[in-house]
N, C-alpha and C. Protein backbone atom coordinates (compact mmCIF):
# COMPACT_ATOMS: atom_id res chain seq x y z
N MET A 1 24.69 -0.44 -10.52
CA MET A 1 24.24 -1.59 -9.70
C MET A 1 25.42 -2.56 -9.66
N GLY A 2 25.70 -2.95 -8.39
CA GLY A 2 26.80 -3.86 -8.20
C GLY A 2 26.41 -5.27 -8.36
N PRO A 3 27.38 -6.20 -8.29
CA PRO A 3 27.09 -7.60 -8.50
C PRO A 3 26.14 -8.21 -7.45
N GLN A 4 26.18 -7.70 -6.23
CA GLN A 4 25.27 -8.22 -5.22
C GLN A 4 23.77 -7.87 -5.59
N HIS A 5 23.58 -6.65 -6.06
CA HIS A 5 22.25 -6.24 -6.46
C HIS A 5 21.77 -7.07 -7.67
N GLN A 6 22.67 -7.27 -8.59
CA GLN A 6 22.28 -8.08 -9.74
C GLN A 6 21.96 -9.50 -9.38
N ALA A 7 22.72 -10.05 -8.47
CA ALA A 7 22.46 -11.44 -8.05
C ALA A 7 21.11 -11.52 -7.29
N ALA A 8 20.92 -10.53 -6.37
CA ALA A 8 19.66 -10.50 -5.63
C ALA A 8 18.48 -10.38 -6.60
N ASN A 9 18.56 -9.47 -7.58
CA ASN A 9 17.49 -9.26 -8.47
C ASN A 9 17.24 -10.49 -9.38
N ALA A 10 18.33 -11.14 -9.75
CA ALA A 10 18.21 -12.40 -10.53
C ALA A 10 17.44 -13.42 -9.76
N TYR A 11 17.82 -13.56 -8.49
CA TYR A 11 17.15 -14.51 -7.62
C TYR A 11 15.68 -14.18 -7.46
N LEU A 12 15.36 -12.91 -7.23
CA LEU A 12 13.96 -12.47 -7.07
C LEU A 12 13.20 -12.73 -8.32
N ALA A 13 13.79 -12.45 -9.49
CA ALA A 13 13.06 -12.70 -10.74
C ALA A 13 12.83 -14.18 -10.96
N LYS A 14 13.86 -15.04 -10.67
CA LYS A 14 13.70 -16.48 -10.79
C LYS A 14 12.63 -17.02 -9.90
N SER A 15 12.49 -16.44 -8.74
CA SER A 15 11.46 -16.97 -7.79
C SER A 15 10.06 -16.40 -8.11
N GLY A 16 9.94 -15.54 -9.10
CA GLY A 16 8.67 -15.04 -9.52
C GLY A 16 8.22 -13.76 -8.82
N SER A 17 9.08 -13.24 -8.00
CA SER A 17 8.76 -12.01 -7.27
C SER A 17 8.89 -10.80 -8.24
N LYS A 18 8.00 -9.85 -7.98
CA LYS A 18 8.07 -8.57 -8.76
C LYS A 18 8.96 -7.57 -7.98
N VAL A 19 9.40 -7.90 -6.80
CA VAL A 19 10.23 -7.01 -5.99
C VAL A 19 11.63 -6.98 -6.60
N ARG A 20 12.21 -5.78 -6.59
CA ARG A 20 13.60 -5.61 -7.06
C ARG A 20 14.34 -4.73 -5.98
N VAL A 21 15.62 -5.01 -5.89
CA VAL A 21 16.44 -4.24 -5.03
C VAL A 21 17.08 -3.09 -5.73
N PRO A 22 16.79 -1.84 -5.39
CA PRO A 22 17.42 -0.69 -6.04
C PRO A 22 18.93 -0.75 -5.93
N GLY A 23 19.60 -0.18 -6.94
CA GLY A 23 21.09 -0.24 -6.97
C GLY A 23 21.77 0.47 -5.93
N ASP A 24 21.16 1.44 -5.28
CA ASP A 24 21.82 2.21 -4.22
C ASP A 24 21.52 1.66 -2.82
N THR A 25 20.89 0.49 -2.74
CA THR A 25 20.48 -0.10 -1.42
C THR A 25 21.69 -0.74 -0.74
N ALA A 26 21.85 -0.38 0.49
CA ALA A 26 22.94 -1.02 1.30
C ALA A 26 22.37 -2.20 2.08
N LEU A 27 23.26 -3.10 2.53
CA LEU A 27 22.78 -4.22 3.27
C LEU A 27 22.05 -3.75 4.57
N HIS A 28 22.53 -2.69 5.20
CA HIS A 28 21.89 -2.21 6.39
C HIS A 28 20.44 -1.74 6.12
N ASP A 29 20.20 -1.18 4.91
CA ASP A 29 18.86 -0.83 4.47
C ASP A 29 17.96 -2.02 4.45
N LEU A 30 18.46 -3.13 3.94
CA LEU A 30 17.68 -4.33 3.82
C LEU A 30 17.39 -4.88 5.18
N ARG A 31 18.39 -4.78 6.10
CA ARG A 31 18.16 -5.20 7.52
C ARG A 31 17.04 -4.47 8.14
N HIS A 32 17.04 -3.13 8.00
CA HIS A 32 15.91 -2.35 8.50
C HIS A 32 14.54 -2.70 7.88
N PHE A 33 14.62 -2.91 6.58
CA PHE A 33 13.39 -3.32 5.89
C PHE A 33 12.88 -4.66 6.47
N TYR A 34 13.73 -5.60 6.58
CA TYR A 34 13.37 -6.91 7.19
C TYR A 34 12.76 -6.79 8.56
N ALA A 35 13.39 -5.99 9.43
CA ALA A 35 12.85 -5.80 10.78
C ALA A 35 11.48 -5.09 10.74
N SER A 36 11.36 -4.13 9.87
CA SER A 36 10.10 -3.41 9.75
C SER A 36 8.96 -4.29 9.28
N VAL A 37 9.19 -5.18 8.36
CA VAL A 37 8.21 -6.10 7.85
C VAL A 37 7.81 -7.06 9.00
N LEU A 38 8.79 -7.61 9.73
CA LEU A 38 8.45 -8.45 10.85
C LEU A 38 7.58 -7.78 11.87
N ILE A 39 7.93 -6.58 12.23
CA ILE A 39 7.21 -5.75 13.24
C ILE A 39 5.79 -5.50 12.73
N LYS A 40 5.66 -5.06 11.53
CA LYS A 40 4.37 -4.72 10.94
C LYS A 40 3.47 -5.93 10.92
N ASN A 41 4.01 -7.11 10.85
CA ASN A 41 3.24 -8.32 10.79
C ASN A 41 3.10 -9.03 12.14
N GLY A 42 3.46 -8.33 13.23
CA GLY A 42 3.14 -8.82 14.54
C GLY A 42 4.25 -9.55 15.32
N ALA A 43 5.45 -9.52 14.78
CA ALA A 43 6.55 -10.15 15.48
C ALA A 43 6.78 -9.42 16.79
N THR A 44 7.20 -10.23 17.84
CA THR A 44 7.49 -9.62 19.09
C THR A 44 8.89 -9.09 19.11
N PRO A 45 9.19 -8.18 20.09
CA PRO A 45 10.59 -7.70 20.20
C PRO A 45 11.63 -8.89 20.28
N ARG A 46 11.28 -9.89 21.01
CA ARG A 46 12.19 -11.01 21.18
C ARG A 46 12.37 -11.74 19.87
N GLN A 47 11.35 -11.95 19.10
CA GLN A 47 11.50 -12.58 17.78
C GLN A 47 12.38 -11.78 16.86
N VAL A 48 12.15 -10.47 16.84
CA VAL A 48 12.98 -9.62 15.97
C VAL A 48 14.38 -9.65 16.44
N GLN A 49 14.60 -9.54 17.73
CA GLN A 49 15.98 -9.60 18.32
C GLN A 49 16.72 -10.87 17.88
N LYS A 50 16.03 -12.02 17.94
CA LYS A 50 16.67 -13.28 17.53
C LYS A 50 17.01 -13.25 16.04
N ARG A 51 16.08 -12.76 15.20
CA ARG A 51 16.30 -12.75 13.77
C ARG A 51 17.45 -11.82 13.35
N LEU A 52 17.59 -10.72 14.09
CA LEU A 52 18.63 -9.79 13.74
C LEU A 52 19.89 -10.04 14.39
N GLY A 53 19.85 -10.94 15.40
CA GLY A 53 21.13 -11.30 16.07
C GLY A 53 21.59 -10.30 17.13
N HIS A 54 20.64 -9.46 17.59
CA HIS A 54 21.02 -8.54 18.66
C HIS A 54 21.24 -9.35 19.98
N ALA A 55 22.18 -8.86 20.77
CA ALA A 55 22.51 -9.58 21.99
C ALA A 55 21.39 -9.55 23.01
N LYS A 56 20.61 -8.49 23.02
CA LYS A 56 19.55 -8.32 24.00
C LYS A 56 18.34 -7.68 23.30
N PRO A 57 17.06 -8.00 23.79
CA PRO A 57 15.91 -7.36 23.24
C PRO A 57 15.94 -5.86 23.41
N SER A 58 16.60 -5.35 24.41
CA SER A 58 16.69 -3.94 24.65
C SER A 58 17.32 -3.20 23.47
N ILE A 59 18.33 -3.85 22.83
CA ILE A 59 18.96 -3.23 21.68
C ILE A 59 17.92 -3.10 20.54
N THR A 60 17.15 -4.13 20.36
CA THR A 60 16.13 -4.08 19.31
C THR A 60 15.10 -3.02 19.57
N LEU A 61 14.66 -2.92 20.86
CA LEU A 61 13.66 -1.91 21.25
C LEU A 61 14.26 -0.51 21.11
N ASN A 62 15.52 -0.30 21.38
CA ASN A 62 16.12 1.01 21.22
C ASN A 62 16.07 1.52 19.80
N VAL A 63 16.18 0.59 18.85
CA VAL A 63 16.19 0.94 17.46
C VAL A 63 14.81 1.01 16.87
N TYR A 64 13.92 0.11 17.21
CA TYR A 64 12.66 -0.06 16.58
C TYR A 64 11.45 0.21 17.34
N THR A 65 11.54 0.78 18.52
CA THR A 65 10.35 1.08 19.38
C THR A 65 9.32 1.87 18.60
N HIS A 66 9.78 2.82 17.89
CA HIS A 66 8.83 3.72 17.15
C HIS A 66 7.92 2.92 16.17
N LEU A 67 8.42 1.76 15.69
CA LEU A 67 7.56 1.01 14.74
C LEU A 67 6.49 0.24 15.52
N TRP A 68 6.81 -0.27 16.75
CA TRP A 68 5.76 -0.91 17.55
C TRP A 68 4.75 0.13 18.01
N GLU A 69 5.25 1.31 18.38
CA GLU A 69 4.33 2.37 18.82
C GLU A 69 3.43 2.92 17.68
N ALA A 70 3.88 2.74 16.46
CA ALA A 70 3.12 3.21 15.29
C ALA A 70 1.93 2.35 15.07
N GLU A 71 1.93 1.14 15.52
CA GLU A 71 0.78 0.25 15.36
C GLU A 71 -0.43 0.86 16.17
N ALA A 72 -1.60 0.55 15.68
CA ALA A 72 -2.80 1.04 16.39
C ALA A 72 -2.81 0.51 17.76
N ASP A 73 -3.16 1.33 18.72
CA ASP A 73 -3.22 0.92 20.17
C ASP A 73 -4.47 0.10 20.30
N GLN A 74 -4.30 -1.27 20.52
CA GLN A 74 -5.42 -2.15 20.66
C GLN A 74 -5.58 -2.61 22.05
N THR A 75 -4.94 -1.92 22.99
CA THR A 75 -5.02 -2.41 24.40
C THR A 75 -6.44 -2.30 24.97
N ALA A 76 -7.20 -1.26 24.60
CA ALA A 76 -8.57 -1.18 25.09
C ALA A 76 -9.39 -2.38 24.57
N ASP A 77 -9.21 -2.71 23.27
CA ASP A 77 -9.91 -3.82 22.71
C ASP A 77 -9.54 -5.13 23.43
N MET A 78 -8.26 -5.27 23.70
CA MET A 78 -7.81 -6.46 24.38
C MET A 78 -8.47 -6.61 25.76
N MET A 79 -8.56 -5.51 26.46
CA MET A 79 -9.14 -5.57 27.78
C MET A 79 -10.62 -5.84 27.71
N GLU A 80 -11.29 -5.21 26.76
CA GLU A 80 -12.73 -5.48 26.58
C GLU A 80 -12.95 -6.92 26.26
N ALA A 81 -12.18 -7.51 25.36
CA ALA A 81 -12.37 -8.88 25.01
C ALA A 81 -12.12 -9.81 26.20
N ALA A 82 -11.16 -9.48 27.05
CA ALA A 82 -10.91 -10.32 28.24
C ALA A 82 -12.02 -10.23 29.25
N LEU A 83 -12.61 -8.99 29.42
CA LEU A 83 -13.71 -8.79 30.36
C LEU A 83 -15.00 -9.48 29.83
N ASN A 84 -15.18 -9.44 28.55
CA ASN A 84 -16.34 -10.08 27.93
C ASN A 84 -16.30 -11.60 28.13
N ASP A 85 -15.05 -12.17 28.13
CA ASP A 85 -14.93 -13.60 28.32
C ASP A 85 -15.29 -13.99 29.80
N VAL A 86 -15.22 -13.12 30.72
CA VAL A 86 -15.50 -13.42 32.10
C VAL A 86 -17.04 -13.55 32.35
N SER A 87 -17.80 -12.76 31.60
CA SER A 87 -19.25 -12.78 31.89
C SER A 87 -20.00 -13.88 31.24
């Protein structure tokens, strides 16, 4: 485990988190983890793009589309809710 991992784990421990960074984790791995958590919790492609610093949302979508597609398709529920509001 390198000094960055030790520093990160010390910070996590100090903050009370039970999460630890494995010694073989690269910065790029953490970046993907961060994006995945944002997407799983409802962040839009534009929000993720801004957080990751991608020049365009299309870059973000090229890398992470599969994560948005993995979410349950709620489009039918959305349409039903909209139509119920009309009546």
